[in-house]
């Protein structure tokens, strides 16, 4: 969902997958550990580190 839609937030994952906050936060944390998304910046935004289908490296 995150890589396809190019949006990442705990609440977005919750809504799209119909899961609770704790489960969504765990998924976000795991995606960060696996290098798919970056750490939250000062504003709480995260960068998606994996190129999308229409992006080149």
PDB file of N, CA and C in Angstrom:
ATOM      1  N   UNK A   1       0.834  -1.191   0.000  1.00  0.00           N
ATOM      2  CA  UNK A   1       0.000   0.000   0.000  1.00  0.00           C
ATOM      3  C   UNK A   1       0.876   1.251   0.000  1.00  0.00           C
ATOM      4  N   UNK A   2       1.869   1.281   0.895  1.00  0.00           N
ATOM      5  CA  UNK A   2       2.745   2.456   1.011  1.00  0.00           C
ATOM      6  C   UNK A   2       3.541   2.666  -0.270  1.00  0.00           C
ATOM      7  N   UNK A   3       4.137   1.600  -0.788  1.00  0.00           N
ATOM      8  CA  UNK A   3       4.956   1.744  -1.990  1.00  0.00           C
ATOM      9  C   UNK A   3       4.100   2.051  -3.213  1.00  0.00           C
ATOM     10  N   UNK A   4       2.922   1.476  -3.282  1.00  0.00           N
ATOM     11  CA  UNK A   4       2.036   1.713  -4.424  1.00  0.00           C
ATOM     12  C   UNK A   4       1.495   3.138  -4.421  1.00  0.00           C
ATOM     13  N   UNK A   5       1.008   3.583  -3.257  1.00  0.00           N
ATOM     14  CA  UNK A   5       0.368   4.892  -3.160  1.00  0.00           C
ATOM     15  C   UNK A   5       1.351   6.027  -2.907  1.00  0.00           C
ATOM     16  N   UNK A   6       2.603   5.685  -2.548  1.00  0.00           N
ATOM     17  CA  UNK A   6       3.662   6.671  -2.278  1.00  0.00           C
ATOM     18  C   UNK A   6       3.282   7.597  -1.126  1.00  0.00           C
ATOM     19  N   UNK A   7       2.561   7.069  -0.150  1.00  0.00           N
ATOM     20  CA  UNK A   7       2.189   7.822   1.051  1.00  0.00           C
ATOM     21  C   UNK A   7       2.523   6.955   2.245  1.00  0.00           C
ATOM     22  N   UNK A   8       3.076   7.573   3.282  1.00  0.00           N
ATOM     23  CA  UNK A   8       3.418   6.791   4.467  1.00  0.00           C
ATOM     24  C   UNK A   8       3.101   7.570   5.732  1.00  0.00           C
ATOM     25  N   UNK A   9       2.212   7.016   6.507  1.00  0.00           N
ATOM     26  CA  UNK A   9       1.924   7.503   7.853  1.00  0.00           C
ATOM     27  C   UNK A   9       1.185   6.385   8.565  1.00  0.00           C
ATOM     28  N   UNK A  10       1.263   6.407   9.874  1.00  0.00           N
ATOM     29  CA  UNK A  10       0.581   5.377  10.647  1.00  0.00           C
ATOM     30  C   UNK A  10      -0.918   5.425  10.383  1.00  0.00           C
ATOM     31  N   UNK A  11      -1.488   6.628  10.378  1.00  0.00           N
ATOM     32  CA  UNK A  11      -2.936   6.738  10.169  1.00  0.00           C
ATOM     33  C   UNK A  11      -3.337   6.299   8.761  1.00  0.00           C
ATOM     34  N   UNK A  12      -2.505   6.579   7.757  1.00  0.00           N
ATOM     35  CA  UNK A  12      -2.811   6.155   6.392  1.00  0.00           C
ATOM     36  C   UNK A  12      -2.835   4.632   6.302  1.00  0.00           C
ATOM     37  N   UNK A  13      -1.834   3.987   6.894  1.00  0.00           N
ATOM     38  CA  UNK A  13      -1.774   2.526   6.890  1.00  0.00           C
ATOM     39  C   UNK A  13      -2.980   1.947   7.638  1.00  0.00           C
ATOM     40  N   UNK A  14      -3.339   2.562   8.752  1.00  0.00           N
ATOM     41  CA  UNK A  14      -4.516   2.124   9.512  1.00  0.00           C
ATOM     42  C   UNK A  14      -5.769   2.134   8.640  1.00  0.00           C
ATOM     43  N   UNK A  15      -6.007   3.258   7.992  1.00  0.00           N
ATOM     44  CA  UNK A  15      -7.217   3.414   7.180  1.00  0.00           C
ATOM     45  C   UNK A  15      -7.238   2.446   6.007  1.00  0.00           C
ATOM     46  N   UNK A  16      -6.124   2.371   5.285  1.00  0.00           N
ATOM     47  CA  UNK A  16      -6.083   1.551   4.075  1.00  0.00           C
ATOM     48  C   UNK A  16      -6.178   0.056   4.365  1.00  0.00           C
ATOM     49  N   UNK A  17      -5.603  -0.378   5.503  1.00  0.00           N
ATOM     50  CA  UNK A  17      -5.603  -1.805   5.824  1.00  0.00           C
ATOM     51  C   UNK A  17      -6.674  -2.191   6.840  1.00  0.00           C
ATOM     52  N   UNK A  18      -7.339  -1.204   7.417  1.00  0.00           N
ATOM     53  CA  UNK A  18      -8.382  -1.488   8.395  1.00  0.00           C
ATOM     54  C   UNK A  18      -7.844  -2.162   9.648  1.00  0.00           C
ATOM     55  N   UNK A  19      -6.706  -1.657  10.143  1.00  0.00           N
ATOM     56  CA  UNK A  19      -6.072  -2.235  11.329  1.00  0.00           C
ATOM     57  C   UNK A  19      -5.954  -1.172  12.412  1.00  0.00           C
ATOM     58  N   UNK A  20      -5.569  -1.578  13.595  1.00  0.00           N
ATOM     59  CA  UNK A  20      -5.422  -0.657  14.712  1.00  0.00           C
ATOM     60  C   UNK A  20      -4.108   0.104  14.678  1.00  0.00           C
ATOM     61  N   UNK A  21      -4.010   1.094  15.573  1.00  0.00           N
ATOM     62  CA  UNK A  21      -2.826   1.949  15.626  1.00  0.00           C
ATOM     63  C   UNK A  21      -1.557   1.153  15.921  1.00  0.00           C
ATOM     64  N   UNK A  22      -1.597   0.280  16.923  1.00  0.00           N
ATOM     65  CA  UNK A  22      -0.388  -0.454  17.307  1.00  0.00           C
ATOM     66  C   UNK A  22       0.139  -1.324  16.175  1.00  0.00           C
ATOM     67  N   UNK A  23      -0.757  -1.984  15.470  1.00  0.00           N
ATOM     68  CA  UNK A  23      -0.342  -2.831  14.344  1.00  0.00           C
ATOM     69  C   UNK A  23       0.238  -1.976  13.220  1.00  0.00           C
ATOM     70  N   UNK A  24      -0.406  -0.861  12.920  1.00  0.00           N
ATOM     71  CA  UNK A  24       0.078   0.031  11.866  1.00  0.00           C
ATOM     72  C   UNK A  24       1.445   0.607  12.235  1.00  0.00           C
ATOM     73  N   UNK A  25       1.619   1.013  13.490  1.00  0.00           N
ATOM     74  CA  UNK A  25       2.901   1.559  13.935  1.00  0.00           C
ATOM     75  C   UNK A  25       3.997   0.507  13.843  1.00  0.00           C
ATOM     76  N   UNK A  26       3.673  -0.735  14.157  1.00  0.00           N
ATOM     77  CA  UNK A  26       4.649  -1.822  14.041  1.00  0.00           C
ATOM     78  C   UNK A  26       5.061  -2.035  12.591  1.00  0.00           C
ATOM     79  N   UNK A  27       4.101  -1.956  11.678  1.00  0.00           N
ATOM     80  CA  UNK A  27       4.417  -2.107  10.256  1.00  0.00           C
ATOM     81  C   UNK A  27       5.314  -0.975   9.764  1.00  0.00           C
ATOM     82  N   UNK A  28       5.020   0.253  10.185  1.00  0.00           N
ATOM     83  CA  UNK A  28       5.836   1.406   9.805  1.00  0.00           C
ATOM     84  C   UNK A  28       7.262   1.220  10.332  1.00  0.00           C
ATOM     85  N   UNK A  29       7.379   0.800  11.579  1.00  0.00           N
ATOM     86  CA  UNK A  29       8.693   0.580  12.184  1.00  0.00           C
ATOM     87  C   UNK A  29       9.464  -0.500  11.425  1.00  0.00           C
ATOM     88  N   UNK A  30       8.786  -1.564  11.052  1.00  0.00           N
ATOM     89  CA  UNK A  30       9.448  -2.640  10.314  1.00  0.00           C
ATOM     90  C   UNK A  30       9.891  -2.171   8.928  1.00  0.00           C
ATOM     91  N   UNK A  31       9.053  -1.383   8.257  1.00  0.00           N
ATOM     92  CA  UNK A  31       9.436  -0.850   6.944  1.00  0.00           C
ATOM     93  C   UNK A  31      10.677   0.027   7.060  1.00  0.00           C
ATOM     94  N   UNK A  32      10.770   0.777   8.155  1.00  0.00           N
ATOM     95  CA  UNK A  32      11.957   1.605   8.376  1.00  0.00           C
ATOM     96  C   UNK A  32      13.184   0.720   8.602  1.00  0.00           C
ATOM     97  N   UNK A  33      13.056  -0.310   9.416  1.00  0.00           N
ATOM     98  CA  UNK A  33      14.170  -1.214   9.699  1.00  0.00           C
ATOM     99  C   UNK A  33      14.651  -1.928   8.444  1.00  0.00           C
ATOM    100  N   UNK A  34      13.739  -2.218   7.533  1.00  0.00           N
ATOM    101  CA  UNK A  34      14.089  -2.920   6.300  1.00  0.00           C
ATOM    102  C   UNK A  34      14.546  -1.974   5.192  1.00  0.00           C
ATOM    103  N   UNK A  35      14.595  -0.679   5.475  1.00  0.00           N
ATOM    104  CA  UNK A  35      15.115   0.282   4.520  1.00  0.00           C
ATOM    105  C   UNK A  35      14.144   0.715   3.438  1.00  0.00           C
ATOM    106  N   UNK A  36      12.859   0.464   3.632  1.00  0.00           N
ATOM    107  CA  UNK A  36      11.869   0.876   2.643  1.00  0.00           C
ATOM    108  C   UNK A  36      11.490   2.339   2.794  1.00  0.00           C
ATOM    109  N   UNK A  37      11.480   2.812   4.039  1.00  0.00           N
ATOM    110  CA  UNK A  37      11.146   4.204   4.328  1.00  0.00           C
ATOM    111  C   UNK A  37      12.183   4.776   5.282  1.00  0.00           C
ATOM    112  N   UNK A  38      12.321   6.084   5.272  1.00  0.00           N
ATOM    113  CA  UNK A  38      13.272   6.748   6.152  1.00  0.00           C
ATOM    114  C   UNK A  38      12.666   7.050   7.511  1.00  0.00           C
ATOM    115  N   UNK A  39      13.523   7.497   8.396  1.00  0.00           N
ATOM    116  CA  UNK A  39      13.077   7.900   9.730  1.00  0.00           C
ATOM    117  C   UNK A  39      12.253   9.180   9.623  1.00  0.00           C
ATOM    118  N   UNK A  40      11.407   9.399  10.602  1.00  0.00           N
ATOM    119  CA  UNK A  40      10.594  10.611  10.626  1.00  0.00           C
ATOM    120  C   UNK A  40      11.492  11.832  10.804  1.00  0.00           C
ATOM    121  N   UNK A  41      11.225  12.896  10.046  1.00  0.00           N
ATOM    122  CA  UNK A  41      12.003  14.128  10.190  1.00  0.00           C
ATOM    123  C   UNK A  41      11.414  14.986  11.308  1.00  0.00           C
ATOM    124  N   UNK A  42      11.889  16.215  11.435  1.00  0.00           N
ATOM    125  CA  UNK A  42      11.434  17.105  12.507  1.00  0.00           C
ATOM    126  C   UNK A  42       9.928  17.375  12.466  1.00  0.00           C
ATOM    127  N   UNK A  43       9.331  17.252  11.284  1.00  0.00           N
ATOM    128  CA  UNK A  43       7.892  17.489  11.132  1.00  0.00           C
ATOM    129  C   UNK A  43       7.087  16.190  11.172  1.00  0.00           C
ATOM    130  N   UNK A  44       7.779  15.060  11.360  1.00  0.00           N
ATOM    131  CA  UNK A  44       7.095  13.777  11.419  1.00  0.00           C
ATOM    132  C   UNK A  44       6.878  13.112  10.072  1.00  0.00           C
ATOM    133  N   UNK A  45       7.389  13.726   9.005  1.00  0.00           N
ATOM    134  CA  UNK A  45       7.239  13.164   7.664  1.00  0.00           C
ATOM    135  C   UNK A  45       8.323  12.122   7.415  1.00  0.00           C
ATOM    136  N   UNK A  46       7.990  11.118   6.608  1.00  0.00           N
ATOM    137  CA  UNK A  46       8.941  10.066   6.260  1.00  0.00           C
ATOM    138  C   UNK A  46       9.120  10.027   4.749  1.00  0.00           C
ATOM    139  N   UNK A  47      10.334   9.754   4.331  1.00  0.00           N
ATOM    140  CA  UNK A  47      10.636   9.634   2.911  1.00  0.00           C
ATOM    141  C   UNK A  47      10.548   8.167   2.507  1.00  0.00           C
ATOM    142  N   UNK A  48       9.950   7.899   1.359  1.00  0.00           N
ATOM    143  CA  UNK A  48       9.916   6.542   0.821  1.00  0.00           C
ATOM    144  C   UNK A  48      11.207   6.354   0.037  1.00  0.00           C
ATOM    145  N   UNK A  49      12.015   5.377   0.439  1.00  0.00           N
ATOM    146  CA  UNK A  49      13.352   5.205  -0.114  1.00  0.00           C
ATOM    147  C   UNK A  49      13.392   4.300  -1.338  1.00  0.00           C
ATOM    148  N   UNK A  50      12.353   3.534  -1.573  1.00  0.00           N
ATOM    149  CA  UNK A  50      12.296   2.618  -2.706  1.00  0.00           C
ATOM    150  C   UNK A  50      11.651   3.346  -3.880  1.00  0.00           C
ATOM    151  N   UNK A  51      12.291   3.320  -5.059  1.00  0.00           N
ATOM    152  CA  UNK A  51      11.700   4.006  -6.208  1.00  0.00           C
ATOM    153  C   UNK A  51      10.353   3.398  -6.596  1.00  0.00           C
ATOM    154  N   UNK A  52       9.452   4.247  -7.062  1.00  0.00           N
ATOM    155  CA  UNK A  52       8.145   3.786  -7.520  1.00  0.00           C
ATOM    156  C   UNK A  52       8.243   3.212  -8.920  1.00  0.00           C
ATOM    157  N   UNK A  53       7.135   2.705  -9.420  1.00  0.00           N
ATOM    158  CA  UNK A  53       7.107   2.097 -10.747  1.00  0.00           C
ATOM    159  C   UNK A  53       7.511   3.075 -11.842  1.00  0.00           C
ATOM    160  N   UNK A  54       7.139   4.340 -11.687  1.00  0.00           N
ATOM    161  CA  UNK A  54       7.398   5.344 -12.719  1.00  0.00           C
ATOM    162  C   UNK A  54       8.663   6.145 -12.465  1.00  0.00           C
ATOM    163  N   UNK A  55       9.445   5.751 -11.465  1.00  0.00           N
ATOM    164  CA  UNK A  55      10.663   6.478 -11.125  1.00  0.00           C
ATOM    165  C   UNK A  55      11.882   5.665 -11.536  1.00  0.00           C
ATOM    166  N   UNK A  56      12.948   6.372 -11.874  1.00  0.00           N
ATOM    167  CA  UNK A  56      14.205   5.694 -12.178  1.00  0.00           C
ATOM    168  C   UNK A  56      15.192   5.955 -11.057  1.00  0.00           C
ATOM    169  N   UNK A  57      16.134   5.065 -10.932  1.00  0.00           N
ATOM    170  CA  UNK A  57      17.130   5.195  -9.856  1.00  0.00           C
ATOM    171  C   UNK A  57      18.200   6.192 -10.236  1.00  0.00           C
TER     172      UNK A  57
END
